């Protein structure tokens, strides 16, 4: 029996999504909870891997188990209820449902969307959930530079050094900054993302927005396909995985 979970999490207490020896991760907590409740070893597969401190408003995972659920668990709705009582409040399960045996949370995803939040208001409520900056950058210039992401396919310039990606080709379909109340949010959607890609893009666009680079300089640096030519990665706490898209759900 293959089961899908739709969940969200605050990434602050975790060293990312993926299980790591001697480190607390979202996947580690979830696997432990499922294994305990279902009384069998469970290994989840996520739609992606978020880094330390990165949040998810929507993450999909799947796992396989024998058809019989654990003691006292009558159906998947009850499993959701029990999981939410068992897990740290930093993780919340919204939904569980049975899916086809060959459905895959990672490989069946056709697009993923992220948001990155900048805050210049000084509000203490954003300090763990946004990049706190002294002043808001120039949105018009950042959006002009962001449009270049829509016409490029090779994102080697924003790939973390040492990553084991087989290809750096990605298709970005949305990349824009939007003013939203006291914060500025960067919205980006693509068919796939490289490790650290969104934070590297945000850090580089910020160089344009704060006047350190012109749009033309951003374009020239981007064309070098060299991570060292781009800006420093933005802090993790401002990044959110917001949507995973499937054609078969």
Foldseek 3Di string as FASTA:
>chain_A
DKKKWKKWFQQAQFQKADDDPPGHHVQVQLQVQQCVFQVHRKHKDKQDIAGRRAIAPIIMIMIDDPPDGGPPQDDFVSVQVSSCVRGDVRMHIDDMDDDDPPDGNHPQFQKWKKKFKEAQPPDPVCPQAHQHDVDWFAQVQLFVLQVVLQVDFAQLLQADPPDPDPGRGKHKDDWGWDDDVRIIMTMTMIRDHHVLRVQQSVQQSVCCRNPVDGSVQSVVLRVVSHNVSGGDGGDNNRMYTYDTDGPRD
